Amino acid sequence: MRVLLDRRNPASAGTDQVSDEQLAGLYAVPGADSWLRVNMVSTLDGAATGDSELSDSIHNEADNRVFGVLRSIADVVIVGAGTAAAEGYGPTDRPIVLVSRKGQVPEKLRGAEPGAVMLATCRAADGLTEAQSLLGADNVFVLGSHSVDLVALREHLVAQGLRRLHAEGGPHLLRDLLSSGVADELCATFVPRIVGGEHPRITAGPPVGTDLDLQLLLEDESTLLGRWFVRR
């Protein structure tokens, strides 16, 4: 893996054989009170999934390496409940916060240690009572009436000391994080594949107009991995 561009440290451009420690430095969050990044993967023709209809069918070694580093430097992982269920999420060494307006808790995340899995939902959620029973009332955040208030979610997590927020989609959640102004950064991997067919993009839902600035660009065997900061 080599550094093609690094706007925060231009001297690092051209560096080859980046170690995991160096990679963590390249992806270090700015010195803000809190920071929310979203990490997504796409093919060159814009598909967020491959043959399996899941993102794991387009992941590669370089993407998985950066994915692991991003999780290791995060305080908490945020993911849509539908994505967590489809991708087979289980408990990790970082707390997971599910986002679901229906109050859904995927099967593999039930029975986790108290506090390992939390849920952000809304008052109208059909599964609210069951989720509180599964996760404990203190681990279910009721934020909003019919949809999850993502601004309030960020404020709630920061108040708990969880300041480095790492979101992993899916496409609807990414769109909503951008639309609500909650996301600070998009980390996007472009794998050197064309898949054609009908596949989702990394965003889904109503139109959203968000401008971003490229901060970092890495390359590994034709895979491109970048950091884009949301323009304020």
Protein backbone atom coordinates (compact mmCIF):
# COMPACT_ATOMS: atom_id res chain seq x y z
CA MET A 1 0.00 0.00 0.00
CA ARG A 2 1.38 3.42 -0.94
CA VAL A 3 0.42 7.02 -0.27
CA LEU A 4 -0.57 8.95 -3.40
CA LEU A 5 -1.76 12.11 -1.65
CA ASP A 6 -1.88 13.37 1.92
CA ARG A 7 -3.03 16.97 2.28
CA ARG A 8 -2.39 17.02 6.05
CA ASN A 9 1.21 15.82 5.61
CA PRO A 10 2.27 16.31 1.98
CA ALA A 11 5.74 14.90 2.69
CA SER A 12 4.25 11.44 3.16
CA ALA A 13 3.15 11.24 -0.49
CA GLY A 14 5.07 8.52 -2.28
CA THR A 15 5.55 6.41 0.86
CA ASP A 16 5.52 2.68 0.09
CA GLN A 17 4.96 -0.27 2.42
CA VAL A 18 2.73 1.55 4.90
CA SER A 19 2.63 -0.27 8.25
CA ASP A 20 -0.55 -0.67 10.30
CA GLU A 21 0.82 1.88 12.77
CA GLN A 22 1.42 4.36 9.95
CA LEU A 23 -2.03 3.59 8.56
CA ALA A 24 -3.61 4.43 11.90
CA GLY A 25 -1.75 7.75 11.80
CA LEU A 26 -2.93 8.47 8.27
CA TYR A 27 -6.53 7.90 9.37
CA ALA A 28 -6.24 9.69 12.74
CA VAL A 29 -9.18 11.96 13.43
CA PRO A 30 -8.61 15.72 13.65
CA GLY A 31 -8.43 17.36 17.04
CA ALA A 32 -12.15 17.99 17.28
CA ASP A 33 -14.39 17.40 20.29
CA SER A 34 -16.03 14.61 18.30
CA TRP A 35 -15.75 13.17 14.81
CA LEU A 36 -18.10 10.94 12.80
CA ARG A 37 -16.75 9.09 9.80
CA VAL A 38 -18.54 6.68 7.50
CA ASN A 39 -16.70 3.85 5.75
CA MET A 40 -18.06 2.38 2.50
CA VAL A 41 -16.83 0.28 -0.43
CA SER A 42 -17.78 0.41 -4.10
CA THR A 43 -16.82 -1.07 -7.44
CA LEU A 44 -15.62 1.25 -10.19
CA ASP A 45 -19.05 1.17 -11.79
CA GLY A 46 -20.70 2.32 -8.58
CA ALA A 47 -21.98 -0.92 -7.07
CA ALA A 48 -21.96 -1.23 -3.27
CA THR A 49 -22.48 -5.01 -3.49
CA GLY A 50 -21.44 -7.85 -5.77
CA ASP A 51 -22.80 -11.25 -6.74
CA SER A 52 -23.92 -12.14 -3.23
CA GLU A 53 -25.89 -8.87 -2.95
CA LEU A 54 -23.67 -8.11 0.06
CA SER A 55 -20.61 -5.90 0.40
CA ASP A 56 -18.45 -8.89 1.34
CA SER A 57 -18.46 -9.98 -2.30
CA ILE A 58 -16.50 -6.86 -3.32
CA HIS A 59 -14.24 -6.47 -0.28
CA ASN A 60 -10.57 -7.25 -0.86
CA GLU A 61 -7.43 -7.45 1.29
CA ALA A 62 -6.64 -3.73 1.13
CA ASP A 63 -10.18 -2.71 2.03
CA ASN A 64 -10.32 -5.19 4.90
CA ARG A 65 -7.00 -3.90 6.22
CA VAL A 66 -8.19 -0.30 6.35
CA PHE A 67 -11.56 -1.44 7.73
CA GLY A 68 -9.75 -3.13 10.63
CA VAL A 69 -7.63 -0.06 11.36
CA LEU A 70 -10.66 2.24 11.32
CA ARG A 71 -12.45 0.04 13.83
CA SER A 72 -9.37 -0.16 16.03
CA ILE A 73 -9.19 3.64 16.42
CA ALA A 74 -12.94 4.13 16.93
CA ASP A 75 -14.82 4.39 20.21
CA VAL A 76 -18.05 2.97 18.79
CA VAL A 77 -19.43 1.40 15.60
CA ILE A 78 -22.73 2.74 14.20
CA VAL A 79 -24.63 0.65 11.64
CA GLY A 80 -28.14 0.37 10.26
CA ALA A 81 -29.98 -2.62 11.72
CA GLY A 82 -30.88 -3.88 8.25
CA THR A 83 -27.25 -3.83 7.15
CA ALA A 84 -26.15 -5.52 10.38
CA ALA A 85 -28.69 -8.31 9.81
CA ALA A 86 -27.86 -8.80 6.11
CA GLU A 87 -24.09 -8.76 6.65
CA GLY A 88 -24.26 -11.11 9.66
CA TYR A 89 -22.83 -8.71 12.25
CA GLY A 90 -21.90 -10.19 15.62
CA PRO A 91 -20.50 -8.51 18.75
CA THR A 92 -17.05 -6.90 18.34
CA ASP A 93 -14.41 -5.43 20.62
CA ARG A 94 -16.09 -2.06 20.10
CA PRO A 95 -19.64 -1.21 21.21
CA ILE A 96 -22.13 -1.39 18.35
CA VAL A 97 -24.99 1.09 18.01
CA LEU A 98 -27.79 -0.11 15.74
CA VAL A 99 -30.00 2.46 14.04
CA SER A 100 -33.55 1.28 13.37
CA ARG A 101 -36.82 3.17 13.23
CA LYS A 102 -38.54 -0.21 13.66
CA GLY A 103 -36.57 -1.14 16.78
CA GLN A 104 -35.07 -4.26 15.21
CA VAL A 105 -32.21 -6.17 16.84
CA PRO A 106 -30.57 -8.69 14.44
CA GLU A 107 -30.42 -12.28 15.66
CA LYS A 108 -26.62 -12.47 15.96
CA LEU A 109 -26.53 -9.37 18.14
CA ARG A 110 -29.02 -10.64 20.67
CA GLY A 111 -27.63 -12.02 23.90
CA ALA A 112 -24.46 -9.91 23.78
CA GLU A 113 -22.84 -8.68 26.98
CA PRO A 114 -24.70 -5.67 28.46
CA GLY A 115 -23.59 -2.49 26.72
CA ALA A 116 -21.88 -4.30 23.83
CA VAL A 117 -24.92 -3.65 21.61
CA MET A 118 -27.08 -0.53 21.81
CA LEU A 119 -30.02 0.63 19.73
CA ALA A 120 -31.10 4.06 18.52
CA THR A 121 -34.77 4.05 17.60
CA CYS A 122 -37.94 6.14 17.86
CA ARG A 123 -41.12 6.20 19.91
CA ALA A 124 -43.24 4.70 17.11
CA ALA A 125 -40.97 1.65 16.70
CA ASP A 126 -42.93 -1.62 16.65
CA GLY A 127 -40.04 -3.47 18.30
CA LEU A 128 -39.31 -0.95 21.05
CA THR A 129 -40.54 -3.05 23.98
CA GLU A 130 -38.79 -6.20 22.75
CA ALA A 131 -35.55 -4.29 22.14
CA GLN A 132 -35.59 -2.91 25.67
CA SER A 133 -36.09 -6.43 26.99
CA LEU A 134 -33.23 -7.80 24.87
CA LEU A 135 -30.66 -5.06 25.40
CA GLY A 136 -31.78 -3.38 28.60
CA ALA A 137 -33.68 -0.10 28.74
CA ASP A 138 -30.49 1.90 29.33
CA ASN A 139 -29.05 0.61 26.05
CA VAL A 140 -32.04 1.63 23.92
CA PHE A 141 -32.07 5.31 22.96
CA VAL A 142 -35.49 6.65 21.97
CA LEU A 143 -34.64 9.63 19.78
CA GLY A 144 -37.50 11.07 17.77
CA SER A 145 -41.13 10.19 17.19
CA HIS A 146 -41.28 8.37 13.84
CA SER A 147 -37.65 8.46 12.71
CA VAL A 148 -34.30 8.44 14.48
CA ASP A 149 -32.93 11.89 15.24
CA LEU A 150 -29.30 11.45 14.16
CA VAL A 151 -28.19 14.80 15.54
CA ALA A 152 -29.52 13.76 18.95
CA LEU A 153 -27.82 10.36 18.57
CA ARG A 154 -24.43 11.97 18.04
CA GLU A 155 -24.96 14.27 21.01
CA HIS A 156 -26.03 11.33 23.19
CA LEU A 157 -22.98 9.24 22.32
CA VAL A 158 -20.56 12.13 22.82
CA ALA A 159 -22.11 12.81 26.21
CA GLN A 160 -21.23 9.21 27.11
CA GLY A 161 -17.59 9.83 26.18
CA LEU A 162 -17.84 8.10 22.78
CA ARG A 163 -16.25 10.78 20.61
CA ARG A 164 -14.66 8.85 17.73
CA LEU A 165 -17.76 7.65 15.91
CA HIS A 166 -17.36 5.11 13.11
CA ALA A 167 -20.37 4.36 10.90
CA GLU A 168 -20.53 1.50 8.41
CA GLY A 169 -23.72 2.21 6.49
CA GLY A 170 -25.77 0.95 4.84
CA PRO A 171 -26.67 3.27 1.99
CA HIS A 172 -29.81 4.71 3.60
CA LEU A 173 -27.93 5.54 6.81
CA LEU A 174 -25.06 7.17 4.90
CA ARG A 175 -27.56 9.33 3.02
CA ASP A 176 -29.31 10.33 6.24
CA LEU A 177 -26.04 11.11 8.07
CA LEU A 178 -25.02 13.40 5.20
CA SER A 179 -28.45 15.00 4.89
CA SER A 180 -28.67 15.76 8.61
CA GLY A 181 -25.17 17.26 8.66
CA VAL A 182 -23.95 14.69 11.19
CA ALA A 183 -21.18 13.09 9.10
CA ASP A 184 -17.76 14.73 9.09
CA GLU A 185 -15.95 12.33 6.79
CA LEU A 186 -16.44 9.64 4.17
CA CYS A 187 -13.82 6.92 3.84
CA ALA A 188 -14.45 5.22 0.51
CA THR A 189 -12.71 2.28 -1.12
CA PHE A 190 -12.96 1.76 -4.88
CA VAL A 191 -12.11 -1.82 -5.82
CA PRO A 192 -10.88 -2.43 -9.40
CA ARG A 193 -13.94 -4.40 -10.53
CA ILE A 194 -16.88 -3.88 -12.87
CA VAL A 195 -19.97 -5.91 -11.96
CA GLY A 196 -22.78 -4.46 -14.08
CA GLY A 197 -26.31 -5.55 -13.29
CA GLU A 198 -28.60 -3.89 -10.77
CA HIS A 199 -26.85 -3.12 -7.49
CA PRO A 200 -27.31 -0.43 -4.84
CA ARG A 201 -24.96 2.54 -4.64
CA ILE A 202 -23.30 3.63 -1.40
CA THR A 203 -26.19 6.06 -0.84
CA ALA A 204 -29.92 5.41 -1.18
CA GLY A 205 -33.03 7.49 -0.62
CA PRO A 206 -34.06 11.05 -1.51
CA PRO A 207 -31.53 13.33 -3.21
CA VAL A 208 -28.85 14.90 -1.07
CA GLY A 209 -26.30 17.52 -2.04
CA THR A 210 -23.07 17.34 -0.04
CA ASP A 211 -19.68 18.60 -1.15
CA LEU A 212 -16.51 16.89 0.10
CA ASP A 213 -12.78 17.60 -0.02
CA LEU A 214 -10.21 14.87 -0.68
CA GLN A 215 -7.67 14.62 2.15
CA LEU A 216 -5.93 11.27 1.63
CA LEU A 217 -5.57 8.83 -1.25
CA LEU A 218 -3.89 5.42 -1.01
CA GLU A 219 -3.32 2.73 -3.65
CA ASP A 220 -2.84 -1.00 -3.30
CA GLU A 221 -2.75 -3.20 -6.40
CA SER A 222 -5.17 -0.86 -8.25
CA THR A 223 -7.52 -0.48 -5.26
CA LEU A 224 -7.99 3.18 -4.33
CA LEU A 225 -8.76 4.14 -0.73
CA GLY A 226 -9.51 7.72 0.24
CA ARG A 227 -10.64 10.10 2.96
CA TRP A 228 -13.03 12.87 2.04
CA PHE A 229 -13.97 15.54 4.62
CA VAL A 230 -17.45 17.04 4.41
CA ARG A 231 -17.15 20.65 3.35
CA ARG A 232 -18.60 23.00 5.98
